[in-house]
């Protein structure tokens, strides 16, 4: 009976593509999207980027710079917990930035944008070349990645932590879903997963996502079980290391309210194609998930393991984000912009799954395209407001350096910087700011 159940289940599980895939760097559609996208991002950074820290940028990198100032171990400071994250690679990025002749976080912003666009190559790898539908999917992917819904990731350098998770996840799924699964593919997938793991807590989901993909491949091809064993051991070591000497942080996980957790998960899932107003995003996320279930029921996952891996990660990431934040977000009606990059793979995965369905594919592309345009239009004002407040915050920063004892929200220039809690951040971090200053980390006017 168990054997029969497994055989029936295998009909619904995804399989790897049997088609021969040309090298990803020979895809003209991908090169077009990357080229136009990166030039657009470069213009965005030069026009709207602000060479200034705020919020997590002060707190996450402080321990490392403090260690460089002689207070503690540099290597231990890299592993220091920040909320639920281990920002090892982001802190190393800031250290490299400090070695440059001029301290300017916009260098890091450009690098962040480059990482995002480099994921286009694997995302478009399995689609046929030189077809109108492929060009359409490339255009939708461009809109997904450039959308102002990502305004925090586009304007804040510390968001390299989430962008490296996105980068590592896409390449990890890509290497694990190739037709030939060998030691080289596993090693590359492990390397990509480590990039995510050493950047943010979202990297833990990348480990689990990879394990699930290998289990699915083993059900179709039992000799792959050796890679499941290897990945299981690596995942166990990664989880153990991550939670070693773990400290509770201020985000209390949701307890006892399963329905709130589920609804918040759907809202997170829809962030990139919906308004950040949680009730609306919840309904959009539910509709998207129902369509995915419909595709599974119709056995549309055959030869689409890569697209399935992207969707599976987005579901896991949405659940993880909601578990950490649903309780503290119960009184808030909008979503956090920096999480949108982690769940957009769900909607791209739906595009890839329905690509070959003649009518359904067109309907899905049109619906997702309209949602993306609507969301981008609604998010544009948030992008502009965020840029404007960072610019005002820089004025307050220099006022605080000149007179650290008179940071008063009721006087100028602080009166114009109440939004985003910039005044409170300056009051809380003024001592840290002077530690940064000793090491040459100063933001010129």
Protein backbone atom coordinates (compact mmCIF):
# COMPACT_ATOMS: atom_id res chain seq x y z
CA UNK A 1 0.00 0.00 0.00
CA UNK A 2 2.84 2.36 0.87
CA UNK A 3 4.56 1.52 -2.40
CA UNK A 4 1.38 2.24 -4.35
CA UNK A 5 0.95 5.56 -2.51
CA UNK A 6 4.52 6.60 -3.38
CA UNK A 7 4.02 5.66 -7.03
CA UNK A 8 0.84 7.75 -7.13
CA UNK A 9 2.59 10.65 -5.36
CA UNK A 10 5.44 10.59 -7.88
CA UNK A 11 3.00 11.52 -10.66
CA UNK A 12 2.36 14.84 -8.91
CA UNK A 13 5.95 15.61 -7.94
CA UNK A 14 8.16 17.74 -10.19
CA UNK A 15 10.96 16.26 -12.27
CA UNK A 16 14.04 17.79 -13.85
CA UNK A 17 13.83 19.10 -17.38
CA UNK A 18 14.83 16.50 -19.98
CA UNK A 19 15.70 19.18 -22.54
CA UNK A 20 19.26 20.16 -23.28
CA UNK A 21 19.91 23.63 -21.84
CA UNK A 22 22.47 25.87 -23.58
CA UNK A 23 24.97 27.73 -21.36
CA UNK A 24 23.18 30.44 -19.39
CA UNK A 25 25.62 33.12 -20.52
CA UNK A 26 24.54 32.57 -24.15
CA UNK A 27 20.96 33.69 -23.51
CA UNK A 28 20.35 36.99 -25.37
CA UNK A 29 17.10 37.67 -23.49
CA UNK A 30 18.93 37.36 -20.16
CA UNK A 31 21.72 39.67 -21.33
CA UNK A 32 19.14 42.24 -22.43
CA UNK A 33 17.35 42.15 -19.06
CA UNK A 34 20.62 42.30 -17.10
CA UNK A 35 22.06 45.11 -19.21
CA UNK A 36 18.99 47.35 -19.13
CA UNK A 37 18.31 46.48 -15.49
CA UNK A 38 21.81 47.25 -14.23
CA UNK A 39 22.03 50.54 -16.13
CA UNK A 40 18.66 51.53 -14.67
CA UNK A 41 19.83 50.55 -11.18
CA UNK A 42 23.07 52.51 -11.62
CA UNK A 43 21.04 55.60 -12.52
CA UNK A 44 18.82 54.96 -9.49
CA UNK A 45 21.79 54.80 -7.09
CA UNK A 46 23.45 57.91 -8.55
CA UNK A 47 20.17 59.86 -8.45
CA UNK A 48 18.55 58.65 -5.22
CA UNK A 49 21.30 56.93 -3.24
CA UNK A 50 22.27 58.68 0.01
CA UNK A 51 25.68 58.12 1.58
CA UNK A 52 24.30 57.67 5.07
CA UNK A 53 23.62 55.00 7.71
CA UNK A 54 20.34 54.56 9.51
CA UNK A 55 18.75 52.04 11.86
CA UNK A 56 20.22 48.51 11.42
CA UNK A 57 23.27 49.86 9.62
CA UNK A 58 24.45 51.50 12.85
CA UNK A 59 23.72 48.51 15.08
CA UNK A 60 24.67 45.55 12.87
CA UNK A 61 28.15 46.75 11.93
CA UNK A 62 28.97 48.42 15.27
CA UNK A 63 30.47 45.33 16.96
CA UNK A 64 32.87 44.78 14.07
CA UNK A 65 34.04 48.41 13.97
CA UNK A 66 34.26 48.44 17.75
CA UNK A 67 36.54 45.38 17.54
CA UNK A 68 38.69 47.18 14.97
CA UNK A 69 38.95 49.97 17.55
CA UNK A 70 40.43 47.47 20.02
CA UNK A 71 37.25 46.40 21.83
CA UNK A 72 36.94 42.63 21.40
CA UNK A 73 37.77 40.05 18.77
CA UNK A 74 37.26 40.94 15.11
CA UNK A 75 36.39 37.36 14.11
CA UNK A 76 33.93 36.93 16.97
CA UNK A 77 32.28 40.24 16.04
CA UNK A 78 31.48 38.91 12.56
CA UNK A 79 29.35 36.12 14.06
CA UNK A 80 27.57 38.37 16.59
CA UNK A 81 23.81 37.90 16.49
CA UNK A 82 21.71 40.79 15.19
CA UNK A 83 18.02 40.13 15.92
CA UNK A 84 17.56 36.71 14.26
CA UNK A 85 20.46 37.13 11.82
CA UNK A 86 24.17 36.38 11.55
CA UNK A 87 25.45 39.18 9.29
CA UNK A 88 28.88 37.68 8.56
CA UNK A 89 29.18 38.59 4.88
CA UNK A 90 27.46 42.01 5.20
CA UNK A 91 29.95 42.95 7.93
CA UNK A 92 32.86 41.79 5.78
CA UNK A 93 31.44 43.96 2.98
CA UNK A 94 31.50 46.97 5.32
CA UNK A 95 35.06 46.13 6.35
CA UNK A 96 36.15 46.06 2.69
CA UNK A 97 34.29 49.34 2.17
CA UNK A 98 36.26 50.89 5.05
CA UNK A 99 39.53 50.05 3.24
CA UNK A 100 38.61 52.19 0.24
CA UNK A 101 39.99 55.77 0.05
CA UNK A 102 36.48 57.24 0.40
CA UNK A 103 33.73 55.88 2.62
CA UNK A 104 30.60 55.72 0.48
CA UNK A 105 27.80 53.18 0.99
CA UNK A 106 26.65 53.80 -2.58
CA UNK A 107 29.47 51.51 -3.74
CA UNK A 108 27.75 48.76 -1.81
CA UNK A 109 24.36 49.74 -3.23
CA UNK A 110 25.74 49.29 -6.76
CA UNK A 111 27.10 45.86 -5.79
CA UNK A 112 23.72 44.91 -4.30
CA UNK A 113 21.94 45.80 -7.53
CA UNK A 114 24.49 43.83 -9.57
CA UNK A 115 23.85 40.71 -7.48
CA UNK A 116 20.12 41.02 -8.07
CA UNK A 117 20.52 41.25 -11.85
CA UNK A 118 22.97 38.36 -12.02
CA UNK A 119 20.17 36.03 -10.89
CA UNK A 120 18.40 36.66 -14.20
CA UNK A 121 20.68 34.17 -15.99
CA UNK A 122 19.58 31.04 -14.06
CA UNK A 123 15.97 32.27 -13.83
CA UNK A 124 15.62 32.41 -17.62
CA UNK A 125 17.88 29.42 -18.37
CA UNK A 126 15.15 26.82 -18.96
CA UNK A 127 12.92 28.98 -21.16
CA UNK A 128 13.14 28.58 -24.97
CA UNK A 129 15.21 31.23 -26.72
CA UNK A 130 13.91 33.77 -29.25
CA UNK A 131 10.16 33.42 -28.64
CA UNK A 132 7.68 36.20 -27.99
CA UNK A 133 6.55 34.54 -24.78
CA UNK A 134 10.13 34.33 -23.48
CA UNK A 135 10.65 38.03 -24.20
CA UNK A 136 7.39 38.69 -22.32
CA UNK A 137 8.57 36.69 -19.30
CA UNK A 138 11.89 38.57 -19.43
CA UNK A 139 10.02 41.88 -19.37
CA UNK A 140 7.92 40.76 -16.40
CA UNK A 141 11.06 39.63 -14.55
CA UNK A 142 12.63 43.04 -15.23
CA UNK A 143 9.55 44.77 -13.74
CA UNK A 144 9.60 42.42 -10.72
CA UNK A 145 13.22 43.22 -9.91
CA UNK A 146 13.18 46.98 -10.62
CA UNK A 147 9.83 47.64 -8.92
CA UNK A 148 9.89 50.39 -6.25
CA UNK A 149 8.22 47.90 -3.92
CA UNK A 150 11.87 47.00 -3.12
CA UNK A 151 12.66 50.58 -2.08
CA UNK A 152 14.42 49.59 1.17
CA UNK A 153 16.60 47.03 -0.62
CA UNK A 154 17.32 49.56 -3.37
CA UNK A 155 18.37 52.42 -1.04
CA UNK A 156 19.80 50.78 2.08
CA UNK A 157 23.23 49.11 1.96
CA UNK A 158 22.67 46.66 4.85
CA UNK A 159 20.05 44.96 2.67
CA UNK A 160 22.92 43.07 1.10
CA UNK A 161 21.95 40.57 3.81
CA UNK A 162 18.63 39.80 2.08
CA UNK A 163 20.00 40.21 -1.44
CA UNK A 164 22.70 37.60 -0.80
CA UNK A 165 19.99 35.24 0.43
CA UNK A 166 18.08 35.81 -2.83
CA UNK A 167 21.26 35.34 -4.88
CA UNK A 168 22.32 32.21 -3.01
CA UNK A 169 18.83 30.69 -3.12
CA UNK A 170 18.42 31.11 -6.90
CA UNK A 171 21.80 29.56 -7.68
CA UNK A 172 21.37 26.81 -5.08
CA UNK A 173 18.06 25.75 -6.64
CA UNK A 174 19.56 26.03 -10.12
CA UNK A 175 22.50 23.73 -9.38
CA UNK A 176 20.36 21.18 -7.51
CA UNK A 177 17.87 20.88 -10.36
CA UNK A 178 20.29 20.27 -13.25
CA UNK A 179 19.80 17.13 -15.32
CA UNK A 180 23.17 15.75 -14.20
CA UNK A 181 23.44 15.77 -10.40
CA UNK A 182 27.02 15.06 -9.43
CA UNK A 183 29.60 16.16 -6.91
CA UNK A 184 30.35 19.39 -8.77
CA UNK A 185 26.68 20.40 -8.78
CA UNK A 186 26.36 19.64 -5.06
CA UNK A 187 29.53 21.61 -4.26
CA UNK A 188 28.29 24.63 -6.22
CA UNK A 189 24.88 24.39 -4.53
CA UNK A 190 26.53 24.21 -1.09
CA UNK A 191 28.64 27.26 -1.93
CA UNK A 192 25.58 29.24 -3.02
CA UNK A 193 23.70 28.15 0.09
CA UNK A 194 26.59 29.27 2.30
CA UNK A 195 26.37 32.76 0.79
CA UNK A 196 22.76 32.92 2.00
CA UNK A 197 23.49 31.22 5.34
CA UNK A 198 26.26 33.70 6.26
CA UNK A 199 24.07 36.70 5.44
CA UNK A 200 20.69 36.33 7.12
CA UNK A 201 18.34 33.88 8.84
CA UNK A 202 16.67 33.38 5.44
CA UNK A 203 19.69 31.23 4.59
CA UNK A 204 18.40 28.52 6.94
CA UNK A 205 15.36 28.12 4.69
CA UNK A 206 17.73 27.70 1.71
CA UNK A 207 19.32 24.69 3.44
CA UNK A 208 15.91 23.11 4.10
CA UNK A 209 14.71 23.94 0.59
CA UNK A 210 17.73 22.16 -0.90
CA UNK A 211 17.10 19.09 1.25
CA UNK A 212 13.50 18.87 0.03
CA UNK A 213 14.59 19.11 -3.61
CA UNK A 214 17.11 16.31 -3.14
CA UNK A 215 14.48 14.11 -1.49
CA UNK A 216 12.19 14.64 -4.48
CA UNK A 217 15.00 13.73 -6.86
CA UNK A 218 15.72 10.60 -4.82
CA UNK A 219 12.10 9.44 -5.13
CA UNK A 220 12.55 9.50 -8.91
CA UNK A 221 16.13 8.23 -8.88
CA UNK A 222 17.09 6.27 -5.68
CA UNK A 223 20.90 6.46 -6.22
CA UNK A 224 20.66 10.17 -5.37
CA UNK A 225 20.04 9.20 -1.74
CA UNK A 226 23.77 9.64 -1.05
CA UNK A 227 23.38 13.36 -1.75
CA UNK A 228 20.42 13.49 0.64
CA UNK A 229 22.64 12.07 3.37
CA UNK A 230 25.41 14.58 2.62
CA UNK A 231 22.97 17.49 2.57
CA UNK A 232 21.30 16.30 5.79
CA UNK A 233 24.62 16.28 7.63
CA UNK A 234 25.58 19.71 6.31
CA UNK A 235 22.18 21.13 7.23
CA UNK A 236 22.43 19.72 10.76
CA UNK A 237 25.87 21.31 11.22
CA UNK A 238 24.61 24.61 9.80
CA UNK A 239 21.58 24.71 12.09
CA UNK A 240 23.64 23.75 15.12
CA UNK A 241 26.23 26.42 14.41
CA UNK A 242 23.62 29.08 13.75
CA UNK A 243 21.82 28.56 17.05
CA UNK A 244 24.95 28.05 19.15
CA UNK A 245 24.86 30.52 22.07
CA UNK A 246 21.58 31.87 20.70
CA UNK A 247 20.04 34.84 22.48
CA UNK A 248 16.37 35.74 22.46
CA UNK A 249 15.63 38.93 20.55
CA UNK A 250 12.80 41.46 20.72
CA UNK A 251 10.63 39.87 18.01
CA UNK A 252 8.51 37.42 19.96
CA UNK A 253 7.27 34.57 17.74
CA UNK A 254 3.52 34.21 17.39
CA UNK A 255 2.00 31.79 19.86
CA UNK A 256 -1.36 30.10 19.71
CA UNK A 257 -2.84 32.06 16.81
CA UNK A 258 -2.41 29.72 13.85
CA UNK A 259 -4.93 31.55 11.66
CA UNK A 260 -3.05 34.85 12.03
CA UNK A 261 0.16 33.03 11.07
CA UNK A 262 -1.44 31.55 7.94
CA UNK A 263 -3.01 34.82 6.81
CA UNK A 264 0.21 36.74 7.37
CA UNK A 265 2.07 34.09 5.35
CA UNK A 266 -0.25 34.65 2.38
CA UNK A 267 0.23 38.41 2.70
CA UNK A 268 4.03 38.09 2.66
CA UNK A 269 3.79 35.80 -0.36
CA UNK A 270 1.95 38.46 -2.39
CA UNK A 271 4.04 41.48 -1.45
CA UNK A 272 5.71 42.00 -4.83
CA UNK A 273 2.43 41.81 -6.81
CA UNK A 274 0.09 43.49 -4.36
CA UNK A 275 -0.31 46.59 -2.27
CA UNK A 276 1.53 46.42 1.05
CA UNK A 277 -1.86 46.77 2.77
CA UNK A 278 -2.01 43.40 4.55
CA UNK A 279 -5.74 42.56 4.12
CA UNK A 280 -5.55 43.02 0.33
CA UNK A 281 -2.20 41.24 0.03
CA UNK A 282 -3.64 38.29 1.96
CA UNK A 283 -6.36 37.72 -0.63
CA UNK A 284 -3.90 38.03 -3.54
CA UNK A 285 -1.56 35.55 -1.86
CA UNK A 286 -4.40 33.09 -1.29
CA UNK A 287 -5.43 33.29 -4.96
CA UNK A 288 -1.85 32.69 -6.07
CA UNK A 289 -1.51 29.70 -3.76
CA UNK A 290 -4.80 28.23 -4.98
CA UNK A 291 -3.58 28.52 -8.57
CA UNK A 292 -0.37 26.72 -7.62
CA UNK A 293 -2.44 23.91 -6.04
CA UNK A 294 -4.46 23.73 -9.27
CA UNK A 295 -1.27 23.27 -11.28
CA UNK A 296 -0.14 20.50 -8.92
CA UNK A 297 -3.52 18.76 -9.21
CA UNK A 298 -3.31 18.97 -13.02
CA UNK A 299 0.18 17.39 -12.88
CA UNK A 300 1.81 20.48 -14.42
CA UNK A 301 5.03 20.12 -12.41
CA UNK A 302 6.63 17.53 -14.70
CA UNK A 303 10.06 18.74 -15.91
CA UNK A 304 9.67 21.88 -13.79
CA UNK A 305 11.71 21.06 -10.68
CA UNK A 306 13.56 24.40 -10.93
CA UNK A 307 10.33 26.43 -10.93
CA UNK A 308 8.96 24.27 -8.12
CA UNK A 309 12.13 24.88 -6.06
CA UNK A 310 11.64 28.65 -6.42
CA UNK A 311 8.02 28.38 -5.30
CA UNK A 312 8.87 26.05 -2.43
CA UNK A 313 11.47 28.50 -1.11
CA UNK A 314 9.04 31.44 -1.31
CA UNK A 315 6.47 29.49 0.69
CA UNK A 316 9.06 28.55 3.32
CA UNK A 317 10.42 32.09 3.50
CA UNK A 318 6.92 33.58 3.86
CA UNK A 319 6.15 31.17 6.69
CA UNK A 320 9.46 31.92 8.41
CA UNK A 321 8.98 35.70 8.13
CA UNK A 322 5.44 35.43 9.45
CA UNK A 323 6.45 33.20 12.36
CA UNK A 324 8.98 35.78 13.49
CA UNK A 325 6.87 38.88 12.87
CA UNK A 326 3.14 38.08 12.89
CA UNK A 327 2.69 38.82 16.59
CA UNK A 328 4.55 42.13 16.56
CA UNK A 329 2.79 43.06 13.30
CA UNK A 330 -0.75 42.48 14.58
CA UNK A 331 -1.36 46.19 15.04
CA UNK A 332 0.29 47.16 11.75
CA UNK A 333 -1.53 47.18 8.41
CA UNK A 334 1.42 47.28 5.99
CA UNK A 335 4.24 44.93 5.00
CA UNK A 336 7.99 45.55 5.28
CA UNK A 337 9.60 46.34 1.92
CA UNK A 338 12.84 44.47 2.60
CA UNK A 339 11.09 41.06 2.61
CA UNK A 340 9.61 41.42 -0.90
CA UNK A 341 12.77 40.14 -2.64
CA UNK A 342 12.54 36.83 -0.74
CA UNK A 343 9.08 35.91 -2.02
CA UNK A 344 8.99 37.18 -5.60
CA UNK A 345 10.29 33.75 -6.73
CA UNK A 346 6.77 32.40 -6.09
CA UNK A 347 5.31 34.54 -8.88
CA UNK A 348 8.16 33.90 -11.27
CA UNK A 349 7.74 30.20 -10.55
CA UNK A 350 4.06 30.42 -11.50
CA UNK A 351 5.08 32.11 -14.77
CA UNK A 352 7.52 29.29 -15.52
CA UNK A 353 5.02 26.53 -14.63
CA UNK A 354 2.32 27.94 -16.87
CA UNK A 355 4.72 28.96 -19.66
CA UNK A 356 3.77 26.19 -22.09
CA UNK A 357 0.03 26.29 -21.37
CA UNK A 358 -1.30 28.22 -24.34
CA UNK A 359 -4.28 30.04 -22.87
CA UNK A 360 -3.51 29.69 -19.17
CA UNK A 361 0.02 30.99 -19.67
CA UNK A 362 -1.21 34.14 -21.41
CA UNK A 363 -3.81 34.79 -18.71
CA UNK A 364 -1.21 34.32 -15.95
CA UNK A 365 1.27 36.67 -17.65
CA UNK A 366 -1.36 39.36 -18.16
CA UNK A 367 -2.65 39.10 -14.57
CA UNK A 368 0.82 39.17 -13.01
CA UNK A 369 1.89 42.00 -15.32
CA UNK A 370 -1.10 44.16 -14.34
CA UNK A 371 -0.53 43.42 -10.65
CA UNK A 372 3.16 44.35 -10.95
CA UNK A 373 2.38 47.66 -12.65
CA UNK A 374 -0.27 48.49 -10.06
CA UNK A 375 2.04 47.62 -7.16
CA UNK A 376 4.96 49.57 -8.63
CA UNK A 377 2.78 52.64 -9.14
CA UNK A 378 1.46 52.43 -5.58
CA UNK A 379 4.99 52.02 -4.15
CA UNK A 380 6.61 54.91 -6.04
CA UNK A 381 5.63 57.49 -3.42
CA UNK A 382 7.13 55.32 -0.68
CA UNK A 383 10.40 55.17 -2.62
CA UNK A 384 10.50 58.96 -2.93
CA UNK A 385 9.56 59.49 0.72
CA UNK A 386 12.23 57.05 1.87
CA UNK A 387 14.91 58.83 -0.19
CA UNK A 388 13.79 62.22 1.05
CA UNK A 389 13.89 61.16 4.71
CA UNK A 390 17.34 59.62 4.34
CA UNK A 391 18.55 62.94 2.89
CA UNK A 392 17.02 64.82 5.83
CA UNK A 393 18.56 62.31 8.20
CA UNK A 394 22.00 63.13 6.83
CA UNK A 395 21.46 66.80 7.72
CA UNK A 396 20.51 65.75 11.26
CA UNK A 397 23.58 63.51 11.45
CA UNK A 398 25.92 66.44 10.83
CA UNK A 399 24.02 68.58 13.31
CA UNK A 400 24.43 65.83 15.91
CA UNK A 401 28.17 65.57 15.23
CA UNK A 402 28.54 69.33 15.72
CA UNK A 403 26.51 69.42 18.95
CA UNK A 404 25.77 65.91 20.33
CA UNK A 405 24.19 67.27 23.54
CA UNK A 406 21.35 69.10 21.81
CA UNK A 407 19.56 66.44 19.74
CA UNK A 408 16.04 67.74 20.23
CA UNK A 409 13.10 66.66 18.03
CA UNK A 410 11.41 70.03 18.61
CA UNK A 411 14.11 72.18 17.00
CA UNK A 412 15.52 72.40 13.49
CA UNK A 413 16.87 70.45 11.71
CA UNK A 414 15.57 67.57 13.85
CA UNK A 415 11.99 68.74 13.61
CA UNK A 416 12.01 67.79 9.92
CA UNK A 417 13.39 64.29 10.64
CA UNK A 418 10.77 62.77 12.87
CA UNK A 419 9.74 60.19 10.30
CA UNK A 420 11.55 56.80 10.35
CA UNK A 421 12.63 57.52 13.93
CA UNK A 422 15.83 59.20 12.72
CA UNK A 423 16.03 61.52 15.74
CA UNK A 424 15.59 58.61 18.15
CA UNK A 425 18.26 56.66 16.26
CA UNK A 426 20.72 59.53 16.55
CA UNK A 427 20.04 59.84 20.27
CA UNK A 428 20.48 56.10 20.78
CA UNK A 429 23.56 55.72 18.56
CA UNK A 430 25.46 58.96 19.18
CA UNK A 431 28.23 57.15 21.12
CA UNK A 432 28.52 54.59 18.33
CA UNK A 433 28.69 57.34 15.75
CA UNK A 434 31.84 58.70 17.41
CA UNK A 435 33.38 55.20 17.43
CA UNK A 436 32.74 55.04 13.68
CA UNK A 437 34.25 58.52 13.32
CA UNK A 438 37.50 57.43 15.02
CA UNK A 439 37.87 54.74 12.34
CA UNK A 440 37.28 57.19 9.51
CA UNK A 441 33.67 56.16 8.87
CA UNK A 442 32.24 59.62 8.32
CA UNK A 443 29.51 60.65 5.90
CA UNK A 444 30.56 63.89 4.19
CA UNK A 445 28.01 66.64 3.62
